[in-house]
């Protein structure tokens, strides 16, 4: 019965999938893929493909169109095919999307090739200069550009066609999350662009960013004044003070940083730069050790930034690894350097950048805070579902690790600083209660049965009995995590363990479900034991060099 239902629903969708694969394959071999990807071509090709697939599938889609047209008499069969069968977004055009991606790739490839040539010329020019011979920054930028050029060339025509299709397909991507070649590639990878501009202009929208670069080339004095106006209009100094005042990891630097900001506001740029530059170096150490929890013994700024970049690639890496250390070294060694408005703005934006990274919602301690704020507000009946969202497959590794660190007490200082103690106590109380585990599974049956009306391919409607597995099975991974943390390691944490009697019964319940699923697969000709053995065999093989 279950297989009959699968054929009813899956065969038409499988036909659409095979149609998509066929068109992508044909377009990839074509000299003019856009002709095969136009709206009219796709609609015509689909119905031609449907007739070759089978009469029943063709009639199925025709009946579906008739049903929909009863409710919308203006619905054309072409619109039905394009939007309801092929699932393309309204007003989307796969052919135009392909041409847009192709043009973007070609433009970016030319930019990267031009950059590579300029980097090589620069290295040749300084090859004979003993002082500049070891130009690590240019070598780094050249290698990064080379890697991006290689990655871009690997995106062949088939990749572009598939990306264009999926950008238009409502089932593949949300409208706000599509594949695009970065529209900023042309100026981001400009080899003549000073890396400091990435810091100075980091808070500006893309268009303003480009305008400032043009102003810099044409009117250097006006550029410096524009930078100061940007700093004032964007309230950079005030944002810096807010982070320092409120953030657990940098609040101990309040007196120094607030004093430096006052000097900046008074126009005492020389004193500001000399006072705040060592603090920026110290903040990078805070970021690496306190925030990212890296216990490496790196002490020099270049290697600290390199370690941070390994954990998360920094767009501004080249500046902080090669440019900022030169300013820092002059100041640390007691040299007197010229400080103008531009340099003062640069150092303020450096400070702003590193503080924003430390305070980012993407940091583990901020993710933990969001997690605790979320789960602590859930009712007992919904807490298991809320927790399971965090411990599900997509978030499993990250939040399981955060949860384990939480139980070990690694976030106790964060809880205290941000006044989350009440939420912490309430949450720990609930997850150690018998009522919480009973909300997950209270000896519920393995199956619930419903009767559903289903339209089959011949157009008739039949009653089909459907068995649904218990929703409690979805919590198996979360239960195992809680058992491992609270029972196997719980003694050192002084937490109440998962109730053993409940856990053993739930484990038997899960085992029963797995055996039932195993038997169902065997009945339809699938041997899960053989598949598992083959996977284990593949996993044991040594990777080839």
Protein backbone atom coordinates (compact mmCIF):
# COMPACT_ATOMS: atom_id res chain seq x y z
CA UNK A 1 0.00 0.00 0.00
CA UNK A 2 2.83 2.34 0.91
CA UNK A 3 4.54 1.62 -2.37
CA UNK A 4 1.39 2.37 -4.34
CA UNK A 5 1.21 5.78 -2.68
CA UNK A 6 4.85 6.43 -3.49
CA UNK A 7 4.24 5.74 -7.19
CA UNK A 8 1.28 8.14 -7.23
CA UNK A 9 3.29 11.05 -5.89
CA UNK A 10 6.87 10.34 -6.82
CA UNK A 11 6.67 9.36 -10.50
CA UNK A 12 5.50 12.78 -11.79
CA UNK A 13 8.13 14.55 -9.66
CA UNK A 14 10.76 12.10 -10.84
CA UNK A 15 9.78 12.96 -14.41
CA UNK A 16 10.37 16.68 -13.72
CA UNK A 17 13.74 15.85 -12.17
CA UNK A 18 14.74 13.74 -15.19
CA UNK A 19 13.57 16.52 -17.50
CA UNK A 20 15.74 19.04 -15.66
CA UNK A 21 18.76 16.71 -15.92
CA UNK A 22 18.13 16.14 -19.63
CA UNK A 23 17.88 19.86 -20.44
CA UNK A 24 21.01 20.72 -18.40
CA UNK A 25 22.95 17.97 -20.19
CA UNK A 26 21.80 19.11 -23.63
CA UNK A 27 22.38 22.79 -22.89
CA UNK A 28 25.89 22.02 -21.59
CA UNK A 29 26.77 20.54 -24.99
CA UNK A 30 25.11 23.32 -26.98
CA UNK A 31 26.93 26.28 -28.50
CA UNK A 32 23.93 28.50 -27.58
CA UNK A 33 22.55 27.14 -24.29
CA UNK A 34 20.28 30.17 -23.86
CA UNK A 35 18.12 28.97 -26.79
CA UNK A 36 17.31 25.74 -24.95
CA UNK A 37 16.71 27.60 -21.68
CA UNK A 38 14.18 30.17 -22.89
CA UNK A 39 10.70 30.03 -21.40
CA UNK A 40 9.05 28.90 -24.65
CA UNK A 41 11.70 26.24 -25.33
CA UNK A 42 11.41 24.76 -21.83
CA UNK A 43 7.60 24.55 -21.99
CA UNK A 44 7.63 22.94 -25.45
CA UNK A 45 10.41 20.54 -24.46
CA UNK A 46 8.59 19.52 -21.29
CA UNK A 47 5.42 18.35 -23.02
CA UNK A 48 7.47 16.58 -25.67
CA UNK A 49 9.40 14.86 -22.89
CA UNK A 50 6.18 13.99 -21.02
CA UNK A 51 4.81 12.16 -24.07
CA UNK A 52 7.95 10.06 -24.33
CA UNK A 53 7.87 9.36 -20.59
CA UNK A 54 4.39 7.88 -20.57
CA UNK A 55 0.72 8.46 -21.31
CA UNK A 56 -0.35 8.28 -17.65
CA UNK A 57 2.04 11.05 -16.55
CA UNK A 58 0.93 13.31 -19.42
CA UNK A 59 -2.72 12.79 -18.50
CA UNK A 60 -1.90 13.40 -14.84
CA UNK A 61 -0.53 16.88 -15.57
CA UNK A 62 -3.36 17.68 -17.97
CA UNK A 63 -5.93 16.80 -15.28
CA UNK A 64 -4.05 18.93 -12.76
CA UNK A 65 -4.17 21.85 -15.21
CA UNK A 66 -7.91 21.37 -15.72
CA UNK A 67 -8.48 21.41 -11.97
CA UNK A 68 -6.49 24.61 -11.49
CA UNK A 69 -8.09 26.34 -14.45
CA UNK A 70 -11.51 25.77 -12.87
CA UNK A 71 -10.43 28.13 -10.08
CA UNK A 72 -8.54 30.52 -12.37
CA UNK A 73 -9.99 30.77 -15.85
CA UNK A 74 -7.18 33.12 -16.93
CA UNK A 75 -4.54 30.45 -16.26
CA UNK A 76 -2.77 29.47 -19.49
CA UNK A 77 -1.32 26.00 -19.91
CA UNK A 78 2.09 27.58 -20.57
CA UNK A 79 1.93 29.45 -17.24
CA UNK A 80 0.76 26.30 -15.45
CA UNK A 81 3.70 24.38 -16.89
CA UNK A 82 6.32 27.01 -16.12
CA UNK A 83 5.19 27.98 -12.61
CA UNK A 84 3.35 24.96 -11.18
CA UNK A 85 5.08 22.00 -12.85
CA UNK A 86 8.64 23.29 -13.33
CA UNK A 87 8.38 25.48 -10.19
CA UNK A 88 10.01 28.58 -11.61
CA UNK A 89 9.57 31.93 -9.87
CA UNK A 90 7.18 34.50 -11.28
CA UNK A 91 8.80 36.54 -14.07
CA UNK A 92 11.97 34.43 -13.89
CA UNK A 93 13.89 33.58 -17.06
CA UNK A 94 16.50 30.80 -16.99
CA UNK A 95 18.07 31.92 -20.26
CA UNK A 96 18.57 35.51 -19.05
CA UNK A 97 19.87 34.26 -15.70
CA UNK A 98 22.41 32.06 -17.49
CA UNK A 99 23.60 34.96 -19.67
CA UNK A 100 23.91 37.20 -16.59
CA UNK A 101 26.05 34.63 -14.75
CA UNK A 102 28.14 33.99 -17.86
CA UNK A 103 28.83 37.72 -18.32
CA UNK A 104 29.70 38.13 -14.63
CA UNK A 105 32.12 35.21 -14.80
CA UNK A 106 33.84 36.60 -17.91
CA UNK A 107 34.18 40.06 -16.34
CA UNK A 108 35.58 38.67 -13.10
CA UNK A 109 37.96 36.39 -14.95
CA UNK A 110 39.38 39.34 -16.92
CA UNK A 111 39.81 41.31 -13.69
CA UNK A 112 41.64 38.47 -11.95
CA UNK A 113 43.89 37.82 -14.97
CA UNK A 114 44.77 41.53 -15.12
CA UNK A 115 45.53 41.51 -11.40
CA UNK A 116 47.77 38.48 -11.76
CA UNK A 117 49.80 40.20 -14.45
CA UNK A 118 50.17 43.34 -12.31
CA UNK A 119 51.26 41.35 -9.25
CA UNK A 120 53.90 39.52 -11.28
CA UNK A 121 55.17 42.80 -12.74
CA UNK A 122 55.40 44.34 -9.28
CA UNK A 123 57.39 41.38 -7.93
CA UNK A 124 59.77 41.60 -10.90
CA UNK A 125 60.28 45.32 -10.32
CA UNK A 126 61.23 44.88 -6.66
CA UNK A 127 63.29 41.76 -7.31
CA UNK A 128 66.51 43.74 -7.38
CA UNK A 129 65.67 45.93 -4.40
CA UNK A 130 67.32 44.38 -1.35
CA UNK A 131 65.05 46.20 1.11
CA UNK A 132 61.82 45.16 -0.60
CA UNK A 133 62.93 41.77 -1.91
CA UNK A 134 60.96 39.92 0.75
CA UNK A 135 57.57 41.44 -0.07
CA UNK A 136 55.35 38.93 1.73
CA UNK A 137 52.22 41.01 1.24
CA UNK A 138 52.45 41.08 -2.56
CA UNK A 139 53.27 37.36 -2.64
CA UNK A 140 50.23 36.65 -0.47
CA UNK A 141 47.93 38.78 -2.63
CA UNK A 142 49.29 37.19 -5.80
CA UNK A 143 48.69 33.66 -4.47
CA UNK A 144 45.21 34.55 -3.24
CA UNK A 145 44.35 36.03 -6.62
CA UNK A 146 45.71 32.92 -8.34
CA UNK A 147 43.53 30.63 -6.18
CA UNK A 148 40.42 32.68 -6.93
CA UNK A 149 41.18 32.63 -10.65
CA UNK A 150 41.57 28.84 -10.56
CA UNK A 151 38.29 28.42 -8.63
CA UNK A 152 36.51 30.69 -11.10
CA UNK A 153 37.75 28.75 -14.14
CA UNK A 154 36.49 25.52 -12.59
CA UNK A 155 32.93 26.89 -12.78
CA UNK A 156 32.26 25.55 -16.27
CA UNK A 157 29.25 26.03 -18.54
CA UNK A 158 27.36 23.18 -16.91
CA UNK A 159 27.82 24.84 -13.52
CA UNK A 160 26.46 28.13 -14.87
CA UNK A 161 23.43 26.46 -16.46
CA UNK A 162 22.60 24.51 -13.29
CA UNK A 163 23.08 27.63 -11.15
CA UNK A 164 20.82 29.65 -13.46
CA UNK A 165 18.11 26.98 -13.29
CA UNK A 166 18.26 26.74 -9.50
CA UNK A 167 18.31 30.53 -9.09
CA UNK A 168 14.93 30.55 -10.84
CA UNK A 169 13.53 27.42 -9.13
CA UNK A 170 11.48 28.24 -6.01
CA UNK A 171 12.16 24.76 -4.61
CA UNK A 172 15.93 25.14 -4.75
CA UNK A 173 16.66 28.54 -3.21
CA UNK A 174 14.82 31.09 -1.12
CA UNK A 175 14.59 34.34 -3.05
CA UNK A 176 17.19 35.98 -0.78
CA UNK A 177 19.78 33.17 -1.08
CA UNK A 178 20.91 32.48 -4.63
CA UNK A 179 24.19 31.79 -6.34
CA UNK A 180 25.71 34.99 -7.64
CA UNK A 181 29.18 35.97 -8.69
CA UNK A 182 30.11 38.81 -6.32
CA UNK A 183 29.13 42.07 -7.96
CA UNK A 184 31.94 43.78 -6.04
CA UNK A 185 34.64 41.56 -7.53
CA UNK A 186 35.83 44.25 -9.92
CA UNK A 187 36.91 46.61 -7.15
CA UNK A 188 37.48 44.13 -4.35
CA UNK A 189 40.20 42.37 -6.33
CA UNK A 190 41.68 45.51 -7.89
CA UNK A 191 45.40 44.98 -7.42
CA UNK A 192 46.03 48.74 -7.31
CA UNK A 193 43.59 49.28 -4.47
CA UNK A 194 45.24 50.05 -1.14
CA UNK A 195 44.32 47.45 1.46
CA UNK A 196 43.75 50.19 4.02
CA UNK A 197 40.72 51.32 2.02
CA UNK A 198 38.97 48.10 3.04
CA UNK A 199 39.21 49.31 6.63
CA UNK A 200 38.60 53.02 6.09
CA UNK A 201 35.50 52.43 3.97
CA UNK A 202 34.24 49.22 5.56
CA UNK A 203 31.08 50.80 7.01
CA UNK A 204 29.97 52.38 3.74
CA UNK A 205 27.47 50.87 1.27
CA UNK A 206 28.98 49.50 -1.95
CA UNK A 207 28.14 52.53 -4.09
CA UNK A 208 29.58 55.00 -1.54
CA UNK A 209 32.65 52.78 -1.27
CA UNK A 210 33.28 53.12 -5.01
CA UNK A 211 32.67 56.88 -4.92
CA UNK A 212 35.28 57.28 -2.19
CA UNK A 213 37.85 55.33 -4.22
CA UNK A 214 37.27 57.61 -7.19
CA UNK A 215 37.60 60.68 -4.94
CA UNK A 216 40.87 59.35 -3.56
CA UNK A 217 42.37 59.05 -7.05
CA UNK A 218 41.26 62.52 -8.14
CA UNK A 219 41.35 64.69 -4.98
CA UNK A 220 43.47 63.34 -2.10
CA UNK A 221 42.72 66.29 0.23
CA UNK A 222 38.99 66.03 -0.27
CA UNK A 223 39.26 62.29 0.33
CA UNK A 224 40.76 62.87 3.80
CA UNK A 225 37.99 65.32 4.69
CA UNK A 226 35.36 62.89 3.41
CA UNK A 227 36.81 60.18 5.65
CA UNK A 228 36.43 62.37 8.72
CA UNK A 229 32.86 63.22 7.72
CA UNK A 230 32.12 59.51 7.32
CA UNK A 231 33.52 58.76 10.77
CA UNK A 232 31.37 61.47 12.31
CA UNK A 233 28.19 60.69 10.36
CA UNK A 234 28.44 56.96 11.08
CA UNK A 235 29.03 57.63 14.81
CA UNK A 236 32.06 55.34 14.85
CA UNK A 237 33.47 56.74 18.11
CA UNK A 238 30.13 56.32 19.91
CA UNK A 239 29.74 52.75 18.61
CA UNK A 240 33.24 51.91 19.84
CA UNK A 241 32.46 53.21 23.32
CA UNK A 242 29.18 51.27 23.45
CA UNK A 243 30.91 47.97 22.70
CA UNK A 244 33.71 48.61 25.20
CA UNK A 245 31.23 49.59 27.90
CA UNK A 246 28.97 46.56 27.42
CA UNK A 247 31.18 43.69 26.26
CA UNK A 248 32.58 41.21 28.79
CA UNK A 249 35.92 40.71 27.05
CA UNK A 250 36.92 44.34 26.50
CA UNK A 251 35.30 46.27 29.35
CA UNK A 252 38.56 46.19 31.34
CA UNK A 253 40.04 48.50 28.68
CA UNK A 254 37.33 51.14 29.15
CA UNK A 255 39.52 53.77 30.83
CA UNK A 256 42.24 53.65 28.16
CA UNK A 257 39.94 53.47 25.15
CA UNK A 258 37.50 56.13 26.38
CA UNK A 259 40.43 58.47 27.09
CA UNK A 260 41.80 57.86 23.59
CA UNK A 261 38.39 58.57 22.03
CA UNK A 262 38.23 61.88 23.88
CA UNK A 263 41.63 62.78 22.41
CA UNK A 264 40.35 61.92 18.93
CA UNK A 265 37.27 64.11 19.37
CA UNK A 266 39.49 67.01 20.48
CA UNK A 267 41.66 66.65 17.39
CA UNK A 268 44.67 65.35 19.35
CA UNK A 269 45.35 62.76 16.67
CA UNK A 270 49.02 62.16 17.52
CA UNK A 271 48.24 61.24 21.14
CA UNK A 272 45.20 59.21 20.07
CA UNK A 273 47.21 57.07 17.64
CA UNK A 274 50.06 56.46 20.08
CA UNK A 275 47.67 55.55 22.91
CA UNK A 276 45.25 53.31 21.01
CA UNK A 277 47.55 51.38 18.63
CA UNK A 278 48.95 49.04 21.36
CA UNK A 279 45.34 48.43 22.49
CA UNK A 280 44.39 47.23 19.00
CA UNK A 281 47.20 44.68 19.16
CA UNK A 282 45.94 43.61 22.59
CA UNK A 283 42.40 43.25 21.26
CA UNK A 284 43.59 40.82 18.61
CA UNK A 285 45.03 38.70 21.42
CA UNK A 286 41.66 38.92 23.20
CA UNK A 287 39.91 37.81 20.02
CA UNK A 288 42.19 34.81 19.54
CA UNK A 289 42.48 33.60 23.13
CA UNK A 290 39.38 34.71 25.03
CA UNK A 291 36.77 34.74 22.27
CA UNK A 292 38.00 32.03 19.89
CA UNK A 293 39.48 29.99 22.77
CA UNK A 294 42.76 29.36 20.96
CA UNK A 295 45.56 28.50 23.37
CA UNK A 296 48.38 28.76 20.84
CA UNK A 297 51.58 30.40 22.02
CA UNK A 298 51.67 32.97 19.19
CA UNK A 299 52.76 36.36 20.47
CA UNK A 300 53.66 38.49 17.44
CA UNK A 301 50.80 40.29 15.73
CA UNK A 302 51.37 38.82 12.27
CA UNK A 303 51.05 35.23 13.52
CA UNK A 304 48.09 36.08 15.77
CA UNK A 305 46.21 37.49 12.77
CA UNK A 306 47.25 34.43 10.75
CA UNK A 307 45.77 32.08 13.38
CA UNK A 308 42.53 34.07 13.42
CA UNK A 309 42.38 33.92 9.61
CA UNK A 310 42.69 30.11 9.75
CA UNK A 311 39.53 29.92 11.82
CA UNK A 312 37.57 32.34 9.65
CA UNK A 313 38.90 33.89 6.46
CA UNK A 314 39.21 37.64 6.88
CA UNK A 315 38.57 39.93 3.92
CA UNK A 316 40.89 42.41 5.65
CA UNK A 317 43.63 39.85 6.38
CA UNK A 318 46.33 41.39 4.16
CA UNK A 319 45.97 44.78 5.86
CA UNK A 320 46.15 43.50 9.44
CA UNK A 321 48.90 40.97 8.65
CA UNK A 322 51.18 43.32 6.71
CA UNK A 323 50.14 47.01 6.88
CA UNK A 324 48.96 47.62 10.43
CA UNK A 325 52.03 45.88 12.00
CA UNK A 326 54.28 48.49 10.35
CA UNK A 327 52.47 51.28 12.24
CA UNK A 328 52.49 49.21 15.42
CA UNK A 329 56.24 48.49 15.15
CA UNK A 330 57.17 52.17 14.80
CA UNK A 331 55.14 53.06 17.88
CA UNK A 332 56.28 50.03 19.92
CA UNK A 333 59.93 50.83 19.17
CA UNK A 334 59.61 54.47 20.19
CA UNK A 335 59.82 55.98 16.72
CA UNK A 336 58.08 59.26 15.98
CA UNK A 337 55.85 59.08 12.93
CA UNK A 338 53.74 61.70 11.19
CA UNK A 339 50.07 61.49 12.15
CA UNK A 340 47.52 63.21 9.93
CA UNK A 341 43.73 63.09 9.74
CA UNK A 342 43.74 60.09 7.40
CA UNK A 343 45.96 58.00 9.70
CA UNK A 344 43.84 58.94 12.73
CA UNK A 345 40.70 57.81 10.89
CA UNK A 346 42.50 54.63 9.84
CA UNK A 347 43.45 53.73 13.42
CA UNK A 348 39.94 54.52 14.68
CA UNK A 349 38.45 52.25 12.01
CA UNK A 350 40.97 49.53 12.96
CA UNK A 351 39.74 49.78 16.52
CA UNK A 352 36.12 49.73 15.37
CA UNK A 353 36.75 46.67 13.18
CA UNK A 354 38.36 44.44 15.81
CA UNK A 355 35.79 45.42 18.46
CA UNK A 356 32.92 44.58 16.11
CA UNK A 357 34.43 41.16 15.40
CA UNK A 358 34.80 40.46 19.12
CA UNK A 359 31.21 41.58 19.71
CA UNK A 360 29.78 39.80 16.67
CA UNK A 361 26.68 37.64 16.99
CA UNK A 362 28.64 34.96 15.11
CA UNK A 363 30.97 34.35 18.06
CA UNK A 364 30.32 31.23 20.15
CA UNK A 365 29.52 33.08 23.34
CA UNK A 366 26.93 35.22 21.54
CA UNK A 367 25.39 32.13 19.92
CA UNK A 368 25.20 30.52 23.35
CA UNK A 369 23.46 33.59 24.76
CA UNK A 370 20.91 33.51 21.94
CA UNK A 371 20.40 29.79 22.56
CA UNK A 372 19.83 30.26 26.29
CA UNK A 373 17.49 33.23 25.76
CA UNK A 374 15.48 31.15 23.30
CA UNK A 375 15.15 27.82 25.12
CA UNK A 376 14.59 29.42 28.53
CA UNK A 377 11.39 31.05 27.27
CA UNK A 378 9.88 27.77 25.98
CA UNK A 379 7.03 26.03 27.80
CA UNK A 380 7.63 22.49 29.01
CA UNK A 381 5.43 21.10 26.20
CA UNK A 382 7.51 22.78 23.48
CA UNK A 383 11.00 22.73 25.01
CA UNK A 384 11.93 19.34 23.55
CA UNK A 385 11.02 20.51 20.06
CA UNK A 386 12.92 23.78 20.56
CA UNK A 387 16.02 21.95 21.77
CA UNK A 388 15.81 19.41 18.99
CA UNK A 389 16.00 22.24 16.46
CA UNK A 390 19.44 23.18 17.81
CA UNK A 391 20.63 19.58 18.05
CA UNK A 392 19.26 18.55 14.63
CA UNK A 393 21.46 17.42 11.76
CA UNK A 394 22.09 20.91 10.36
CA UNK A 395 23.15 22.44 13.68
CA UNK A 396 24.30 19.29 15.44
CA UNK A 397 28.04 19.65 15.72
CA UNK A 398 28.03 23.35 16.55
CA UNK A 399 25.30 23.44 19.21
CA UNK A 400 26.15 20.07 20.74
CA UNK A 401 29.61 21.49 21.33
CA UNK A 402 28.22 24.70 22.80
CA UNK A 403 25.84 22.74 25.04
CA UNK A 404 28.65 20.55 26.33
CA UNK A 405 30.81 23.60 27.07
CA UNK A 406 27.82 25.16 28.84
CA UNK A 407 27.41 22.15 31.14
CA UNK A 408 31.13 22.21 31.87
CA UNK A 409 30.76 25.79 33.07
CA UNK A 410 32.75 27.47 30.29
CA UNK A 411 30.10 30.17 29.88
CA UNK A 412 29.56 30.87 33.58
CA UNK A 413 31.35 34.23 33.34
CA UNK A 414 29.22 35.18 30.33
CA UNK A 415 26.03 34.21 32.21
CA UNK A 416 27.03 36.37 35.16
CA UNK A 417 28.17 39.39 33.13
CA UNK A 418 25.06 39.52 30.94
CA UNK A 419 22.72 38.81 33.89
CA UNK A 420 21.39 35.49 32.61
CA UNK A 421 21.59 33.62 35.92
CA UNK A 422 17.80 33.30 36.37
CA UNK A 423 17.37 31.88 32.87
CA UNK A 424 20.32 29.56 33.41
CA UNK A 425 18.88 28.15 36.65
CA UNK A 426 15.37 27.71 35.22
CA UNK A 427 16.62 25.93 32.11
CA UNK A 428 18.86 23.54 34.05
CA UNK A 429 16.02 22.82 36.43
CA UNK A 430 13.66 21.87 33.60
CA UNK A 431 16.05 19.61 31.67
CA UNK A 432 16.74 17.66 34.88
CA UNK A 433 13.04 17.08 35.63
CA UNK A 434 11.11 13.84 35.03
CA UNK A 435 8.35 15.88 33.40
CA UNK A 436 10.74 17.02 30.65
CA UNK A 437 11.57 13.45 29.62
CA UNK A 438 7.93 12.43 29.75
CA UNK A 439 7.17 15.30 27.35
CA UNK A 440 9.60 13.65 24.92
CA UNK A 441 8.06 10.17 25.24
CA UNK A 442 5.48 8.90 27.69
CA UNK A 443 5.22 5.27 26.53
CA UNK A 444 3.41 6.35 23.37
CA UNK A 445 2.63 3.68 20.71
CA UNK A 446 5.06 3.13 17.86
CA UNK A 447 2.46 3.92 15.19
CA UNK A 448 -0.63 6.03 14.75
CA UNK A 449 -2.96 5.14 11.87
CA UNK A 450 -4.91 7.46 9.61
CA UNK A 451 -7.05 6.95 6.52
CA UNK A 452 -6.27 9.37 3.70
CA UNK A 453 -8.04 10.00 0.40
CA UNK A 454 -5.64 9.93 -2.53
CA UNK A 455 -6.19 10.57 -6.22
CA UNK A 456 -4.44 7.91 -8.32
CA UNK A 457 -3.23 8.23 -11.90
CA UNK A 458 -6.51 7.09 -13.48
CA UNK A 459 -8.28 10.00 -11.76
CA UNK A 460 -10.19 7.98 -9.18
CA UNK A 461 -9.98 8.59 -5.43
CA UNK A 462 -9.14 5.80 -3.01
CA UNK A 463 -8.93 5.46 0.77
CA UNK A 464 -5.48 4.43 1.86
CA UNK A 465 -4.49 3.40 5.38
CA UNK A 466 -1.26 5.08 6.40
CA UNK A 467 0.89 4.24 9.44
CA UNK A 468 2.79 7.16 10.93
CA UNK A 469 5.79 6.56 13.17
CA UNK A 470 5.67 8.26 16.56
CA UNK A 471 7.03 11.82 16.58
CA UNK A 472 8.98 10.89 19.73
CA UNK A 473 11.52 9.08 17.54
CA UNK A 474 12.85 12.41 16.24
CA UNK A 475 14.39 13.10 19.65
CA UNK A 476 16.70 10.07 19.66
CA UNK A 477 19.85 12.09 18.92
CA UNK A 478 19.03 14.69 21.56
CA UNK A 479 18.30 12.01 24.18
CA UNK A 480 21.63 10.30 23.45
CA UNK A 481 23.41 13.66 23.81
CA UNK A 482 21.75 14.37 27.17
CA UNK A 483 22.51 10.86 28.38
CA UNK A 484 26.17 11.16 27.39
CA UNK A 485 26.61 14.56 29.01
CA UNK A 486 24.48 14.12 32.13
CA UNK A 487 25.05 10.43 32.89
CA UNK A 488 28.49 9.53 31.58
CA UNK A 489 30.06 12.89 32.51
CA UNK A 490 27.40 14.24 34.80
CA UNK A 491 29.07 13.35 38.06
CA UNK A 492 31.72 15.98 37.56
CA UNK A 493 29.06 18.55 36.65
CA UNK A 494 26.80 17.70 39.62
CA UNK A 495 23.75 17.39 37.38
CA UNK A 496 20.87 14.99 37.84
CA UNK A 497 21.20 12.22 35.22
CA UNK A 498 18.60 11.16 32.67
CA UNK A 499 16.17 8.80 34.51
CA UNK A 500 17.64 5.33 33.84
CA UNK A 501 14.33 3.45 33.78
CA UNK A 502 12.85 5.94 31.29
CA UNK A 503 16.02 5.90 29.16
CA UNK A 504 16.07 2.09 28.90
CA UNK A 505 12.40 1.98 27.85
CA UNK A 506 12.88 4.76 25.31
CA UNK A 507 15.97 3.02 23.88
CA UNK A 508 13.95 -0.20 23.46
CA UNK A 509 11.21 1.85 21.75
CA UNK A 510 13.74 3.31 19.29
CA UNK A 511 15.21 -0.16 18.65
CA UNK A 512 11.72 -1.50 17.87
CA UNK A 513 11.18 1.33 15.37
CA UNK A 514 14.53 0.71 13.68
CA UNK A 515 13.74 -2.98 13.32
CA UNK A 516 10.34 -2.16 11.81
CA UNK A 517 11.94 0.20 9.28
CA UNK A 518 14.59 -2.42 8.54
CA UNK A 519 11.91 -5.03 7.77
CA UNK A 520 9.98 -2.58 5.56
CA UNK A 521 13.06 -1.91 3.44
CA UNK A 522 13.69 -5.63 3.01
CA UNK A 523 10.12 -6.16 1.83
CA UNK A 524 10.65 -3.74 -1.05
CA UNK A 525 13.94 -5.35 -2.06
CA UNK A 526 16.43 -3.11 -0.23
CA UNK A 527 18.99 -4.81 2.01
CA UNK A 528 20.12 -2.20 4.60
CA UNK A 529 22.65 -4.64 6.09
CA UNK A 530 24.40 -5.03 2.74
CA UNK A 531 24.41 -1.25 2.19
CA UNK A 532 25.87 -0.66 5.66
CA UNK A 533 28.55 -3.30 5.08
CA UNK A 534 29.49 -1.69 1.75
CA UNK A 535 29.73 1.73 3.39
CA UNK A 536 31.95 0.33 6.16
CA UNK A 537 34.14 -1.29 3.52
CA UNK A 538 34.54 2.00 1.68
CA UNK A 539 35.32 3.83 4.90
CA UNK A 540 38.12 1.35 5.69
CA UNK A 541 39.85 1.94 2.36
CA UNK A 542 42.88 4.18 2.49
CA UNK A 543 42.54 7.36 0.43
CA UNK A 544 44.56 7.39 -2.77
CA UNK A 545 47.29 9.97 -3.13
